């Protein structure tokens, strides 16, 4: 008789209860944050009272630290060197993040917000801030390559320090001038950007690395991955949900007071995420990177560093500015869209040959 093998369980059934209903929890966290910011007097001021950088409150930093630490503790750092030798991944990521991404956002901002200069400028700033935080969550949930994700996030961090101010000048001053469009002044400190990168990536990266190294040294890799990591894992999503609640509590009144403007800003953002994510996934498939690294490429190309974008917009233009509102709308659209793309990614991996790194 022919031997039959059981079909693999559907993706949804292989997820934990928390992961399986993640869109529900995220939407609930967004709703709770928006409602709290709207109905609780003085909540914004209390949450903003202590800041780690200008425009970013201590509660958001704590949420991001709790969110990123478990993910970075799962990375096998001894494998990062092998990932770094994949020039196809490195070059395609740099091109997508620092050439194509900002250009796409610039074009969409001018197409959809041609008559709203403050929102347009805020959206361009969002496009320049490449993701170094939440992308690790989306990458992990989609089954992406953790080592590749950590490496690309570190690479984006380096380029963010070196290129953010220069690209801001180019896309807000030089390119609009060449095209006969209105220009905007943007003066940024490289030290301030470096400080933001150090706070949001450096601290959880060092903590995750030391946890991995010391944990394996004490009890071995098998014990560390079988006993320690499962206890840390849920805190990534707890941190994500806490961050979302705090973020939308801080900006709940601003967002709900401008529904028409939010809708205008949302349209180019939706187009941006769809174009960047799908384009990067197709690029990875065409280059033969395999599913895991293609998913990593897609999420790192589509995500944005909303913490930096909001901090820059508030610091340069003011907390009540249109630029700041555009920055705030970024995560309002990005979070549910990229959660949805996690499920699309899990569905799309059937089109990647297993021999190319099926994860």
Protein backbone atom coordinates (compact mmCIF):
# COMPACT_ATOMS: atom_id res chain seq x y z
CA UNK A 1 0.00 0.00 0.00
CA UNK A 2 1.30 3.52 -0.74
CA UNK A 3 2.53 5.43 2.26
CA UNK A 4 0.59 8.60 2.93
CA UNK A 5 1.77 11.54 4.96
CA UNK A 6 -0.41 13.90 6.90
CA UNK A 7 -0.90 17.32 5.36
CA UNK A 8 0.64 20.15 7.33
CA UNK A 9 -1.72 21.99 9.58
CA UNK A 10 -3.05 25.30 8.27
CA UNK A 11 -0.97 28.31 9.20
CA UNK A 12 -3.60 29.71 11.57
CA UNK A 13 -3.74 26.45 13.57
CA UNK A 14 0.05 26.46 14.01
CA UNK A 15 -0.03 29.92 15.63
CA UNK A 16 -0.44 30.50 19.34
CA UNK A 17 -3.70 31.96 20.64
CA UNK A 18 -2.06 35.36 21.02
CA UNK A 19 -0.61 35.29 17.49
CA UNK A 20 -3.75 33.87 15.88
CA UNK A 21 -5.92 36.77 16.97
CA UNK A 22 -3.24 39.44 16.73
CA UNK A 23 -5.27 41.71 14.40
CA UNK A 24 -8.06 41.73 16.99
CA UNK A 25 -5.69 42.67 19.81
CA UNK A 26 -4.04 45.39 17.72
CA UNK A 27 -7.32 46.93 16.63
CA UNK A 28 -8.51 46.83 20.25
CA UNK A 29 -5.26 48.50 21.40
CA UNK A 30 -5.64 51.21 18.75
CA UNK A 31 -9.27 51.81 19.73
CA UNK A 32 -8.40 51.91 23.44
CA UNK A 33 -5.57 54.36 22.81
CA UNK A 34 -7.67 56.65 20.62
CA UNK A 35 -10.57 56.62 23.08
CA UNK A 36 -8.31 57.24 26.08
CA UNK A 37 -6.58 60.17 24.41
CA UNK A 38 -9.95 61.62 23.53
CA UNK A 39 -11.87 61.25 26.79
CA UNK A 40 -9.27 61.36 29.61
CA UNK A 41 -8.36 64.99 30.40
CA UNK A 42 -4.65 65.72 30.55
CA UNK A 43 -3.57 62.20 29.55
CA UNK A 44 -1.38 63.50 26.73
CA UNK A 45 0.49 65.84 29.09
CA UNK A 46 1.04 63.13 31.71
CA UNK A 47 2.35 60.60 29.18
CA UNK A 48 4.63 63.23 27.62
CA UNK A 49 5.94 64.56 30.92
CA UNK A 50 9.13 62.48 30.80
CA UNK A 51 10.87 62.16 27.42
CA UNK A 52 13.89 60.15 26.32
CA UNK A 53 14.24 62.22 23.14
CA UNK A 54 12.40 65.35 22.03
CA UNK A 55 8.93 64.27 20.94
CA UNK A 56 9.11 60.71 22.31
CA UNK A 57 7.83 59.85 25.78
CA UNK A 58 9.36 57.41 28.25
CA UNK A 59 6.32 55.04 28.09
CA UNK A 60 6.83 54.61 24.34
CA UNK A 61 10.51 53.84 24.87
CA UNK A 62 9.65 51.25 27.54
CA UNK A 63 7.09 49.63 25.22
CA UNK A 64 9.57 49.46 22.35
CA UNK A 65 12.26 48.00 24.60
CA UNK A 66 9.91 45.27 25.87
CA UNK A 67 8.77 44.63 22.29
CA UNK A 68 12.21 44.34 20.67
CA UNK A 69 14.19 42.60 23.41
CA UNK A 70 12.64 39.10 23.08
CA UNK A 71 12.97 39.18 19.29
CA UNK A 72 16.64 40.17 19.46
CA UNK A 73 17.26 37.54 22.15
CA UNK A 74 16.10 34.91 19.63
CA UNK A 75 18.65 35.85 16.96
CA UNK A 76 21.52 33.40 16.52
CA UNK A 77 24.29 35.96 16.27
CA UNK A 78 26.85 33.40 15.14
CA UNK A 79 24.89 33.10 11.89
CA UNK A 80 24.74 36.82 11.09
CA UNK A 81 28.15 36.71 9.41
CA UNK A 82 26.92 34.14 6.89
CA UNK A 83 23.87 36.30 6.12
CA UNK A 84 26.12 39.33 5.64
CA UNK A 85 27.91 37.54 2.80
CA UNK A 86 24.69 37.43 0.75
CA UNK A 87 25.35 40.42 -1.49
CA UNK A 88 22.00 40.02 -3.27
CA UNK A 89 20.19 40.63 0.01
CA UNK A 90 22.41 43.51 1.10
CA UNK A 91 22.40 45.39 -2.20
CA UNK A 92 18.68 44.92 -2.82
CA UNK A 93 17.87 46.09 0.73
CA UNK A 94 20.03 49.21 0.43
CA UNK A 95 18.51 50.10 -2.94
CA UNK A 96 14.94 49.52 -1.78
CA UNK A 97 15.35 51.39 1.51
CA UNK A 98 17.54 54.32 0.55
CA UNK A 99 16.87 54.88 -3.15
CA UNK A 100 13.45 53.53 -4.12
CA UNK A 101 11.55 53.98 -0.82
CA UNK A 102 12.15 57.72 -0.32
CA UNK A 103 11.56 58.36 -4.04
CA UNK A 104 8.25 56.47 -4.00
CA UNK A 105 7.04 58.36 -0.92
CA UNK A 106 8.12 61.70 -2.44
CA UNK A 107 6.15 60.95 -5.61
CA UNK A 108 3.04 59.76 -3.75
CA UNK A 109 3.13 62.75 -1.38
CA UNK A 110 3.17 65.21 -4.27
CA UNK A 111 0.54 63.29 -6.26
CA UNK A 112 -2.00 62.94 -3.44
CA UNK A 113 -1.17 65.94 -1.22
CA UNK A 114 -0.19 68.54 -3.81
CA UNK A 115 -2.46 71.13 -2.13
CA UNK A 116 -1.49 70.30 1.47
CA UNK A 117 2.18 71.28 1.90
CA UNK A 118 2.50 70.56 5.63
CA UNK A 119 1.06 67.04 5.34
CA UNK A 120 3.14 66.47 2.22
CA UNK A 121 6.34 67.41 4.05
CA UNK A 122 5.43 65.19 7.01
CA UNK A 123 4.83 62.25 4.69
CA UNK A 124 8.17 62.74 2.95
CA UNK A 125 9.87 62.70 6.37
CA UNK A 126 8.11 59.41 7.17
CA UNK A 127 9.48 57.98 3.91
CA UNK A 128 13.03 58.93 4.88
CA UNK A 129 12.85 57.23 8.29
CA UNK A 130 13.55 53.57 7.59
CA UNK A 131 12.23 51.06 10.09
CA UNK A 132 14.47 49.85 12.93
CA UNK A 133 11.91 48.67 15.50
CA UNK A 134 8.49 47.16 14.76
CA UNK A 135 9.77 45.51 11.59
CA UNK A 136 11.37 42.86 13.80
CA UNK A 137 7.91 41.86 15.03
CA UNK A 138 6.40 41.63 11.53
CA UNK A 139 9.45 39.72 10.29
CA UNK A 140 9.23 37.22 13.15
CA UNK A 141 5.48 36.66 12.76
CA UNK A 142 5.83 36.07 9.01
CA UNK A 143 8.55 33.44 9.45
CA UNK A 144 11.24 35.71 8.06
CA UNK A 145 14.96 35.18 8.59
CA UNK A 146 15.74 36.51 12.09
CA UNK A 147 19.46 36.85 11.47
CA UNK A 148 18.85 38.69 8.20
CA UNK A 149 16.31 40.91 9.94
CA UNK A 150 18.76 41.88 12.69
CA UNK A 151 21.48 42.58 10.16
CA UNK A 152 19.30 44.70 7.86
CA UNK A 153 17.91 46.68 10.79
CA UNK A 154 21.47 47.40 11.97
CA UNK A 155 22.42 48.41 8.42
CA UNK A 156 19.41 50.73 8.19
CA UNK A 157 20.39 52.26 11.52
CA UNK A 158 23.86 53.07 10.24
CA UNK A 159 22.52 54.60 7.04
CA UNK A 160 19.89 56.50 9.03
CA UNK A 161 22.62 58.29 10.95
CA UNK A 162 24.66 59.00 7.82
CA UNK A 163 21.95 59.70 5.23
CA UNK A 164 18.75 60.94 6.90
CA UNK A 165 19.69 64.62 7.06
CA UNK A 166 21.22 64.60 3.57
CA UNK A 167 18.18 62.91 2.04
CA UNK A 168 15.90 65.34 3.88
CA UNK A 169 17.74 68.23 2.29
CA UNK A 170 17.62 66.56 -1.14
CA UNK A 171 13.90 65.68 -1.13
CA UNK A 172 12.67 68.89 0.51
CA UNK A 173 15.05 71.43 -1.05
CA UNK A 174 17.05 70.18 -4.04
CA UNK A 175 14.67 67.91 -5.96
CA UNK A 176 11.59 70.17 -5.63
CA UNK A 177 13.76 73.07 -6.85
CA UNK A 178 14.84 71.08 -9.90
CA UNK A 179 11.20 70.24 -10.65
CA UNK A 180 9.97 73.80 -10.12
CA UNK A 181 8.02 72.83 -6.97
CA UNK A 182 7.84 74.52 -3.57
CA UNK A 183 10.75 73.79 -1.22
CA UNK A 184 10.87 73.31 2.57
CA UNK A 185 13.71 73.99 5.01
CA UNK A 186 14.70 71.09 7.26
CA UNK A 187 17.67 71.44 9.63
CA UNK A 188 18.62 68.23 11.43
CA UNK A 189 21.40 67.26 13.79
CA UNK A 190 23.28 64.06 12.98
CA UNK A 191 24.00 63.65 16.71
CA UNK A 192 20.27 63.75 17.46
CA UNK A 193 19.53 61.07 14.86
CA UNK A 194 22.37 58.93 16.19
CA UNK A 195 20.95 59.31 19.69
CA UNK A 196 17.55 58.12 18.49
CA UNK A 197 19.10 55.07 16.83
CA UNK A 198 21.14 54.28 19.96
CA UNK A 199 18.08 54.47 22.19
CA UNK A 200 15.63 52.52 20.04
CA UNK A 201 17.95 49.87 18.62
CA UNK A 202 21.23 49.94 20.54
CA UNK A 203 19.82 49.22 24.01
CA UNK A 204 17.54 46.27 23.08
CA UNK A 205 20.20 44.91 20.70
CA UNK A 206 22.86 44.81 23.41
CA UNK A 207 20.37 43.33 25.88
CA UNK A 208 19.28 40.63 23.42
CA UNK A 209 22.85 39.78 22.43
CA UNK A 210 24.04 39.46 26.04
CA UNK A 211 21.02 37.34 26.96
CA UNK A 212 21.76 34.94 24.10
CA UNK A 213 25.50 34.72 24.77
CA UNK A 214 25.28 34.41 28.55
CA UNK A 215 22.27 32.09 28.42
CA UNK A 216 23.97 29.66 26.03
CA UNK A 217 27.20 29.83 28.01
CA UNK A 218 25.38 28.96 31.24
CA UNK A 219 23.08 26.12 30.10
CA UNK A 220 23.75 25.48 26.40
CA UNK A 221 21.83 26.38 23.24
CA UNK A 222 19.29 23.57 23.48
CA UNK A 223 18.19 24.58 26.99
CA UNK A 224 18.20 28.29 26.10
CA UNK A 225 15.98 27.81 23.04
CA UNK A 226 13.68 25.23 24.62
CA UNK A 227 13.21 26.80 28.03
CA UNK A 228 14.25 30.46 28.07
CA UNK A 229 12.98 31.76 24.71
CA UNK A 230 9.39 30.44 25.10
CA UNK A 231 9.13 32.44 28.35
CA UNK A 232 10.40 35.62 26.71
CA UNK A 233 8.41 35.34 23.47
CA UNK A 234 4.99 36.64 24.64
CA UNK A 235 6.54 39.86 25.94
CA UNK A 236 7.27 40.97 22.36
CA UNK A 237 3.55 41.19 21.62
CA UNK A 238 2.76 42.60 25.06
CA UNK A 239 5.26 45.36 24.35
CA UNK A 240 3.77 45.92 20.89
CA UNK A 241 0.24 46.28 22.25
CA UNK A 242 1.38 48.55 25.10
CA UNK A 243 3.27 50.76 22.63
CA UNK A 244 0.22 51.04 20.39
CA UNK A 245 -2.03 52.01 23.30
CA UNK A 246 0.40 54.68 24.51
CA UNK A 247 1.12 56.04 21.02
CA UNK A 248 -2.54 56.46 20.14
CA UNK A 249 -3.38 57.79 23.59
CA UNK A 250 -0.81 60.54 23.03
CA UNK A 251 -2.30 61.46 19.66
CA UNK A 252 -5.90 60.29 20.05
CA UNK A 253 -7.45 63.77 20.20
CA UNK A 254 -5.37 65.03 17.27
CA UNK A 255 -6.31 62.08 15.05
CA UNK A 256 -10.02 62.03 15.89
CA UNK A 257 -10.28 65.80 15.46
CA UNK A 258 -9.12 65.67 11.83
CA UNK A 259 -10.83 62.64 10.22
CA UNK A 260 -10.86 64.17 6.74
CA UNK A 261 -7.17 65.04 6.88
CA UNK A 262 -6.34 61.58 8.22
CA UNK A 263 -8.16 60.03 5.26
CA UNK A 264 -6.20 62.22 2.81
CA UNK A 265 -2.89 61.21 4.39
CA UNK A 266 -3.90 57.55 4.54
CA UNK A 267 -4.33 57.17 0.77
CA UNK A 268 -0.68 57.69 -0.25
CA UNK A 269 0.44 55.65 2.77
CA UNK A 270 -1.67 52.68 1.68
CA UNK A 271 -0.26 52.94 -1.83
CA UNK A 272 3.27 53.16 -0.43
CA UNK A 273 3.01 50.05 1.75
CA UNK A 274 1.43 48.03 -1.06
CA UNK A 275 4.05 49.07 -3.62
CA UNK A 276 7.10 48.65 -1.38
CA UNK A 277 6.09 45.36 0.23
CA UNK A 278 4.92 43.60 -2.92
CA UNK A 279 7.81 44.99 -4.98
CA UNK A 280 10.36 43.81 -2.43
CA UNK A 281 8.80 40.35 -2.09
CA UNK A 282 8.79 39.91 -5.88
CA UNK A 283 12.38 41.15 -6.02
CA UNK A 284 13.45 38.59 -3.43
CA UNK A 285 11.67 35.82 -5.32
CA UNK A 286 13.29 36.87 -8.59
CA UNK A 287 16.75 36.94 -6.99
CA UNK A 288 16.26 33.46 -5.54
CA UNK A 289 16.61 34.61 -1.94
CA UNK A 290 14.05 32.11 -0.71
CA UNK A 291 10.92 32.80 1.28
CA UNK A 292 12.48 33.68 4.65
CA UNK A 293 14.89 36.29 3.34
CA UNK A 294 12.38 37.62 0.79
CA UNK A 295 9.87 38.21 3.60
CA UNK A 296 12.58 39.98 5.60
CA UNK A 297 13.44 42.12 2.59
CA UNK A 298 9.76 42.99 2.07
CA UNK A 299 9.02 44.06 5.65
CA UNK A 300 12.24 46.04 6.09
CA UNK A 301 11.51 47.85 2.81
CA UNK A 302 7.88 48.65 3.67
CA UNK A 303 8.22 49.61 7.34
CA UNK A 304 9.12 53.07 8.61
CA UNK A 305 10.68 54.43 11.80
CA UNK A 306 7.65 56.37 13.01
CA UNK A 307 9.38 57.20 16.32
CA UNK A 308 12.07 59.18 14.50
CA UNK A 309 9.64 60.71 11.98
CA UNK A 310 7.33 61.97 14.72
CA UNK A 311 10.21 63.27 16.84
CA UNK A 312 11.71 65.15 13.88
CA UNK A 313 8.36 66.62 12.82
CA UNK A 314 7.57 67.79 16.36
CA UNK A 315 11.07 69.09 17.00
CA UNK A 316 11.31 71.06 13.75
CA UNK A 317 7.71 72.12 13.07
CA UNK A 318 5.95 71.87 16.44
CA UNK A 319 3.60 69.44 18.16
CA UNK A 320 0.46 70.97 16.59
CA UNK A 321 1.88 71.15 13.06
CA UNK A 322 0.52 69.38 9.99
CA UNK A 323 3.90 67.69 9.61
CA UNK A 324 3.50 66.14 13.06
CA UNK A 325 -0.02 64.96 12.24
CA UNK A 326 1.24 63.25 9.09
CA UNK A 327 3.89 61.49 11.18
CA UNK A 328 1.27 60.34 13.68
CA UNK A 329 -1.00 58.99 10.94
CA UNK A 330 1.93 56.85 9.74
CA UNK A 331 1.64 54.14 12.44
CA UNK A 332 -2.16 54.47 12.44
CA UNK A 333 -2.08 53.08 8.89
CA UNK A 334 1.15 51.08 9.03
CA UNK A 335 0.32 48.87 12.01
CA UNK A 336 -2.91 47.25 10.73
CA UNK A 337 -1.66 47.15 7.12
CA UNK A 338 1.59 45.35 7.97
CA UNK A 339 -0.27 42.95 10.27
CA UNK A 340 -2.46 42.12 7.28
CA UNK A 341 0.63 41.68 5.13
CA UNK A 342 1.98 39.15 7.65
CA UNK A 343 -0.95 36.91 6.74
CA UNK A 344 -0.54 37.63 3.04
CA UNK A 345 3.12 36.70 3.39
CA UNK A 346 2.31 33.39 5.09
CA UNK A 347 -0.08 32.61 2.25
CA UNK A 348 2.41 33.66 -0.46
CA UNK A 349 5.24 31.42 0.74
CA UNK A 350 3.67 28.48 -1.08
CA UNK A 351 5.01 30.10 -4.26
CA UNK A 352 8.60 29.87 -3.05
CA UNK A 353 10.45 26.58 -3.74
CA UNK A 354 11.48 24.79 -0.57
CA UNK A 355 15.00 24.44 -1.92
CA UNK A 356 15.33 28.25 -1.82
CA UNK A 357 15.06 28.57 1.93
CA UNK A 358 11.44 27.75 2.63
CA UNK A 359 10.91 28.61 6.28
